């Protein structure tokens, strides 16, 4: 399921203001991409073209950066982004079973977003919290030493708060 991004005049005005501010600094691309991700929730090709033109960069360069870094996305994500680390330490300590548990609970595969736009399930690589393995993040909140039971509780808690 793919959610549609809303590109409004208000959001575009914010992007143009951010680009003008960032052009005053050396290396305006990364701050501009972070701003765009924050404003739109993703950086689809339409927004990449605007950034490329405004910063006088090639669309290939912009797209290369957007698709290389995991913090950027070309597709909108759900309200609750659940990421399961599959880095070595987490994997060895059972993170694959956590990913499967979330998938079963949400009826999603890694990389998918629920039709209601509430959840996106992601498999990620090392997030740098190996001592807490296995690790899950939900909207920037880190859950260490996670279990399948904890995964089910997280989904239940999010649903009851929605």
C-alpha atoms as a PDB file:
ATOM      1  CA  UNK A   1       0.000   0.000   0.000  1.00  0.00           C
ATOM      2  CA  UNK A   2       1.343   3.392  -0.924  1.00  0.00           C
ATOM      3  CA  UNK A   3       0.073   6.560   0.734  1.00  0.00           C
ATOM      4  CA  UNK A   4      -0.257   9.734  -1.291  1.00  0.00           C
ATOM      5  CA  UNK A   5       1.831  12.739  -0.381  1.00  0.00           C
ATOM      6  CA  UNK A   6       0.132  16.109  -0.163  1.00  0.00           C
ATOM      7  CA  UNK A   7       2.144  18.876  -1.791  1.00  0.00           C
ATOM      8  CA  UNK A   8       0.434  22.100  -0.754  1.00  0.00           C
ATOM      9  CA  UNK A   9       1.368  25.709  -1.400  1.00  0.00           C
ATOM     10  CA  UNK A  10       1.992  26.119   2.337  1.00  0.00           C
ATOM     11  CA  UNK A  11       4.434  23.191   2.425  1.00  0.00           C
ATOM     12  CA  UNK A  12       6.178  24.417  -0.719  1.00  0.00           C
ATOM     13  CA  UNK A  13       6.557  27.877   0.851  1.00  0.00           C
ATOM     14  CA  UNK A  14       8.220  26.248   3.891  1.00  0.00           C
ATOM     15  CA  UNK A  15      10.562  24.314   1.605  1.00  0.00           C
ATOM     16  CA  UNK A  16      11.546  27.429  -0.370  1.00  0.00           C
ATOM     17  CA  UNK A  17      12.173  29.342   2.880  1.00  0.00           C
ATOM     18  CA  UNK A  18      14.318  26.468   4.177  1.00  0.00           C
ATOM     19  CA  UNK A  19      16.302  26.338   0.943  1.00  0.00           C
ATOM     20  CA  UNK A  20      16.965  30.084   1.055  1.00  0.00           C
ATOM     21  CA  UNK A  21      18.180  29.790   4.664  1.00  0.00           C
ATOM     22  CA  UNK A  22      20.320  26.733   3.851  1.00  0.00           C
ATOM     23  CA  UNK A  23      21.886  28.373   0.781  1.00  0.00           C
ATOM     24  CA  UNK A  24      23.578  30.816   3.155  1.00  0.00           C
ATOM     25  CA  UNK A  25      25.605  27.945   4.639  1.00  0.00           C
ATOM     26  CA  UNK A  26      28.296  25.818   3.055  1.00  0.00           C
ATOM     27  CA  UNK A  27      26.830  22.496   1.900  1.00  0.00           C
ATOM     28  CA  UNK A  28      23.114  23.343   1.761  1.00  0.00           C
ATOM     29  CA  UNK A  29      21.996  19.971   0.350  1.00  0.00           C
ATOM     30  CA  UNK A  30      21.832  17.817   3.503  1.00  0.00           C
ATOM     31  CA  UNK A  31      20.049  20.419   5.665  1.00  0.00           C
ATOM     32  CA  UNK A  32      17.598  21.018   2.810  1.00  0.00           C
ATOM     33  CA  UNK A  33      16.869  17.306   2.467  1.00  0.00           C
ATOM     34  CA  UNK A  34      16.305  17.021   6.224  1.00  0.00           C
ATOM     35  CA  UNK A  35      13.928  19.979   6.043  1.00  0.00           C
ATOM     36  CA  UNK A  36      12.088  18.482   3.056  1.00  0.00           C
ATOM     37  CA  UNK A  37      11.734  15.117   4.833  1.00  0.00           C
ATOM     38  CA  UNK A  38      10.316  16.924   7.860  1.00  0.00           C
ATOM     39  CA  UNK A  39       7.914  19.084   5.840  1.00  0.00           C
ATOM     40  CA  UNK A  40       6.551  16.407   3.495  1.00  0.00           C
ATOM     41  CA  UNK A  41       7.242  13.184   5.412  1.00  0.00           C
ATOM     42  CA  UNK A  42       9.240  11.937   2.431  1.00  0.00           C
ATOM     43  CA  UNK A  43      11.150  13.298  -0.554  1.00  0.00           C
ATOM     44  CA  UNK A  44       9.444  12.097  -3.747  1.00  0.00           C
ATOM     45  CA  UNK A  45      10.877  12.834  -7.177  1.00  0.00           C
ATOM     46  CA  UNK A  46       8.669  15.950  -7.577  1.00  0.00           C
ATOM     47  CA  UNK A  47      10.278  17.508  -4.502  1.00  0.00           C
ATOM     48  CA  UNK A  48      13.745  16.310  -5.534  1.00  0.00           C
ATOM     49  CA  UNK A  49      13.328  18.170  -8.841  1.00  0.00           C
ATOM     50  CA  UNK A  50      12.430  21.391  -7.032  1.00  0.00           C
ATOM     51  CA  UNK A  51      15.439  21.044  -4.723  1.00  0.00           C
ATOM     52  CA  UNK A  52      17.764  20.238  -7.639  1.00  0.00           C
ATOM     53  CA  UNK A  53      16.646  23.299  -9.560  1.00  0.00           C
ATOM     54  CA  UNK A  54      16.769  25.645  -6.568  1.00  0.00           C
ATOM     55  CA  UNK A  55      20.184  24.469  -5.351  1.00  0.00           C
ATOM     56  CA  UNK A  56      21.579  24.153  -8.877  1.00  0.00           C
ATOM     57  CA  UNK A  57      22.364  20.449  -8.430  1.00  0.00           C
ATOM     58  CA  UNK A  58      21.644  17.519 -10.716  1.00  0.00           C
ATOM     59  CA  UNK A  59      18.556  15.449 -10.052  1.00  0.00           C
ATOM     60  CA  UNK A  60      20.820  12.378 -10.171  1.00  0.00           C
ATOM     61  CA  UNK A  61      22.872  13.712  -7.268  1.00  0.00           C
ATOM     62  CA  UNK A  62      19.786  14.587  -5.233  1.00  0.00           C
ATOM     63  CA  UNK A  63      18.197  11.196  -5.885  1.00  0.00           C
ATOM     64  CA  UNK A  64      21.453   9.417  -5.102  1.00  0.00           C
ATOM     65  CA  UNK A  65      21.661  11.078  -1.702  1.00  0.00           C
ATOM     66  CA  UNK A  66      17.966  10.525  -0.915  1.00  0.00           C
ATOM     67  CA  UNK A  67      18.088   6.841  -1.804  1.00  0.00           C
ATOM     68  CA  UNK A  68      21.443   6.220  -0.114  1.00  0.00           C
ATOM     69  CA  UNK A  69      20.610   7.473   3.379  1.00  0.00           C
ATOM     70  CA  UNK A  70      18.112   5.483   5.440  1.00  0.00           C
ATOM     71  CA  UNK A  71      16.703   8.592   7.141  1.00  0.00           C
ATOM     72  CA  UNK A  72      15.288   9.791   3.838  1.00  0.00           C
ATOM     73  CA  UNK A  73      12.370   8.164   2.069  1.00  0.00           C
ATOM     74  CA  UNK A  74      10.833   8.619  -1.359  1.00  0.00           C
ATOM     75  CA  UNK A  75       7.501   7.199  -0.157  1.00  0.00           C
ATOM     76  CA  UNK A  76       5.275   8.450   2.651  1.00  0.00           C
ATOM     77  CA  UNK A  77       5.430   6.447   5.855  1.00  0.00           C
ATOM     78  CA  UNK A  78       2.737   5.632   8.366  1.00  0.00           C
ATOM     79  CA  UNK A  79       2.013   7.625  11.483  1.00  0.00           C
ATOM     80  CA  UNK A  80       3.892   4.989  13.508  1.00  0.00           C
ATOM     81  CA  UNK A  81       7.141   3.782  11.976  1.00  0.00           C
ATOM     82  CA  UNK A  82       8.317   0.542  13.547  1.00  0.00           C
ATOM     83  CA  UNK A  83      11.903  -0.402  12.734  1.00  0.00           C
ATOM     84  CA  UNK A  84      13.460  -3.711  13.718  1.00  0.00           C
ATOM     85  CA  UNK A  85      17.251  -3.841  13.668  1.00  0.00           C
ATOM     86  CA  UNK A  86      18.617  -6.816  11.752  1.00  0.00           C
ATOM     87  CA  UNK A  87      22.260  -5.932  12.347  1.00  0.00           C
ATOM     88  CA  UNK A  88      24.500  -8.781  13.460  1.00  0.00           C
ATOM     89  CA  UNK A  89      24.154  -8.355  17.241  1.00  0.00           C
ATOM     90  CA  UNK A  90      20.386  -7.943  17.061  1.00  0.00           C
ATOM     91  CA  UNK A  91      19.940 -10.772  14.570  1.00  0.00           C
ATOM     92  CA  UNK A  92      21.947 -13.196  16.707  1.00  0.00           C
ATOM     93  CA  UNK A  93      19.761 -12.261  19.687  1.00  0.00           C
ATOM     94  CA  UNK A  94      16.467 -12.917  17.857  1.00  0.00           C
ATOM     95  CA  UNK A  95      15.439  -9.789  15.986  1.00  0.00           C
ATOM     96  CA  UNK A  96      14.152 -11.796  12.998  1.00  0.00           C
ATOM     97  CA  UNK A  97      11.463 -13.298  15.256  1.00  0.00           C
ATOM     98  CA  UNK A  98      10.572  -9.741  16.342  1.00  0.00           C
ATOM     99  CA  UNK A  99      10.174  -8.656  12.729  1.00  0.00           C
ATOM    100  CA  UNK A 100       7.980 -11.710  12.094  1.00  0.00           C
ATOM    101  CA  UNK A 101       5.880 -10.939  15.194  1.00  0.00           C
ATOM    102  CA  UNK A 102       5.288  -7.354  14.083  1.00  0.00           C
ATOM    103  CA  UNK A 103       4.465  -8.604  10.599  1.00  0.00           C
ATOM    104  CA  UNK A 104       1.903 -11.039  11.988  1.00  0.00           C
ATOM    105  CA  UNK A 105       0.347  -8.436  14.290  1.00  0.00           C
ATOM    106  CA  UNK A 106       0.176  -5.734  11.620  1.00  0.00           C
ATOM    107  CA  UNK A 107      -0.404  -7.974   8.581  1.00  0.00           C
ATOM    108  CA  UNK A 108       2.542  -6.257   6.900  1.00  0.00           C
ATOM    109  CA  UNK A 109       5.854  -7.238   5.384  1.00  0.00           C
ATOM    110  CA  UNK A 110       8.990  -5.189   5.964  1.00  0.00           C
ATOM    111  CA  UNK A 111       8.839  -2.062   3.825  1.00  0.00           C
ATOM    112  CA  UNK A 112       5.039  -1.898   3.777  1.00  0.00           C
ATOM    113  CA  UNK A 113       2.612   0.648   5.181  1.00  0.00           C
ATOM    114  CA  UNK A 114      -0.854  -0.247   6.445  1.00  0.00           C
ATOM    115  CA  UNK A 115      -3.817   0.841   4.332  1.00  0.00           C
ATOM    116  CA  UNK A 116      -5.056   3.110   7.119  1.00  0.00           C
ATOM    117  CA  UNK A 117      -1.683   4.877   7.222  1.00  0.00           C
ATOM    118  CA  UNK A 118      -1.162   4.039  10.893  1.00  0.00           C
ATOM    119  CA  UNK A 119       1.871   1.742  10.607  1.00  0.00           C
ATOM    120  CA  UNK A 120       5.007   1.295   8.538  1.00  0.00           C
ATOM    121  CA  UNK A 121       7.154  -1.747   9.259  1.00  0.00           C
ATOM    122  CA  UNK A 122      10.848  -1.532   8.412  1.00  0.00           C
ATOM    123  CA  UNK A 123      13.828  -3.837   8.676  1.00  0.00           C
ATOM    124  CA  UNK A 124      16.916  -1.746   9.389  1.00  0.00           C
ATOM    125  CA  UNK A 125      20.585  -2.377   9.850  1.00  0.00           C
ATOM    126  CA  UNK A 126      22.651  -1.439  12.868  1.00  0.00           C
ATOM    127  CA  UNK A 127      21.365   1.607  14.723  1.00  0.00           C
ATOM    128  CA  UNK A 128      24.330   1.679  17.086  1.00  0.00           C
ATOM    129  CA  UNK A 129      22.696   0.245  20.196  1.00  0.00           C
ATOM    130  CA  UNK A 130      24.228  -3.232  20.012  1.00  0.00           C
ATOM    131  CA  UNK A 131      24.533  -3.515  23.786  1.00  0.00           C
ATOM    132  CA  UNK A 132      20.722  -3.404  23.967  1.00  0.00           C
ATOM    133  CA  UNK A 133      20.175  -6.073  21.290  1.00  0.00           C
ATOM    134  CA  UNK A 134      17.693  -6.890  19.972  1.00  0.00           C
ATOM    135  CA  UNK A 135      16.534  -3.328  19.338  1.00  0.00           C
ATOM    136  CA  UNK A 136      13.283  -1.886  17.993  1.00  0.00           C
ATOM    137  CA  UNK A 137      12.552   1.764  17.319  1.00  0.00           C
ATOM    138  CA  UNK A 138       9.083   3.236  17.157  1.00  0.00           C
ATOM    139  CA  UNK A 139       8.994   6.857  16.026  1.00  0.00           C
ATOM    140  CA  UNK A 140      12.446   7.650  17.422  1.00  0.00           C
ATOM    141  CA  UNK A 141      11.832   5.802  20.713  1.00  0.00           C
ATOM    142  CA  UNK A 142      14.321   2.967  21.254  1.00  0.00           C
ATOM    143  CA  UNK A 143      13.250  -0.308  22.871  1.00  0.00           C
ATOM    144  CA  UNK A 144      16.185  -2.481  23.888  1.00  0.00           C
ATOM    145  CA  UNK A 145      16.323  -6.136  24.971  1.00  0.00           C
ATOM    146  CA  UNK A 146      13.063  -6.628  23.078  1.00  0.00           C
ATOM    147  CA  UNK A 147      10.958  -9.762  22.990  1.00  0.00           C
ATOM    148  CA  UNK A 148       8.098 -11.067  20.872  1.00  0.00           C
ATOM    149  CA  UNK A 149       5.767 -10.339  23.806  1.00  0.00           C
ATOM    150  CA  UNK A 150       7.070  -6.750  23.935  1.00  0.00           C
ATOM    151  CA  UNK A 151       6.410  -6.401  20.187  1.00  0.00           C
ATOM    152  CA  UNK A 152       2.772  -7.434  20.691  1.00  0.00           C
ATOM    153  CA  UNK A 153       2.427  -5.038  23.643  1.00  0.00           C
ATOM    154  CA  UNK A 154       3.823  -2.142  21.585  1.00  0.00           C
ATOM    155  CA  UNK A 155       1.296  -2.700  18.799  1.00  0.00           C
ATOM    156  CA  UNK A 156      -1.542  -3.045  21.307  1.00  0.00           C
ATOM    157  CA  UNK A 157      -0.496   0.148  23.092  1.00  0.00           C
ATOM    158  CA  UNK A 158      -0.278   2.151  19.860  1.00  0.00           C
ATOM    159  CA  UNK A 159      -3.693   0.906  18.731  1.00  0.00           C
ATOM    160  CA  UNK A 160      -5.310   1.797  22.063  1.00  0.00           C
ATOM    161  CA  UNK A 161      -3.840   5.318  21.879  1.00  0.00           C
ATOM    162  CA  UNK A 162      -5.061   5.933  18.314  1.00  0.00           C
END
